[in-house]
Amino acid sequence: MSQLSAPRKAIGRPPRISREEVIEKARRLVTEEGVDRLTMRRLAKEIGSTPMALYHHVRDKEELLVLLLDDYTARALHRPELPAHPRERVVASAAAIHEVLAACPWIVEVLTADDLMSASALWFVEQIVDGLVECGLTPEQAVHGYRAIWYYTAGEITVRTTAARRRADDDRATYRERVFADLDPGELPRLAQVADRWPSLTAQDTYLAGLRALVNGLVAAG
């Protein structure tokens, strides 16, 4: 009597994947390892598929990043109740953007490295530009004003995130701390006066105060 043979493993195409699975795996990859590690080949390996299968859902890495941006902003960037005063509306809109991006710093890296944006965030850009126009700026000046606010916002998040990562990876005194410890009061009296408090002072969250000062300056200059 012959023995039954073991069933053969099916050979053929890899398991079907969904766009939602592609986005979820890509989001986890960039959150844990950074945007630079996100490639179509690496993502396909994480999913257990092939790069060719991914191209049924996304054209390339740029489109994938746009999908990630839209996915995150749709989930996290909610339109707040804005103040009636246009200057306060500008501040509130920029602060809302800052709060969402600070919670997910890799998005700032994407937005500043490539000409990419999320359509979901354009409502906030509209509020900033419109608020500046209502404060007396021309549309052209308002666009330049928005750019200044964006540079300030993205820069603040980037610097703070990089510093936090540096402190987490290495608890030794930074080069700046070593330099500040040996400042010459005769040459740099103001810096020497606050040298021992410099780390704690620069670690304070002053984004909102700086934002208000920037918006006030933009409006006054216009």
Foldseek 3Di string as FASTA:
>chain_A
DDDDDDDDDDDDADDQDDLVLLLVLQVVCCQVPNPVPDALQVSCVVVVHHSVNCCVRAVGVQRSLQVNQQVQCVVQQDDDDFDPQLLRQLLVLLVSVLVSCLVPVRNLVVVVPDVHDHPSSVVSLVSQLVSLVVLPDDSVLSVVLSVVSSCLSSVVSVVLVVVVVVCVVDVDDDPLLVDLVDDDCVVVVVSVVCSVVVVVVVNDPCSSVVSSVSSVVSSVVD
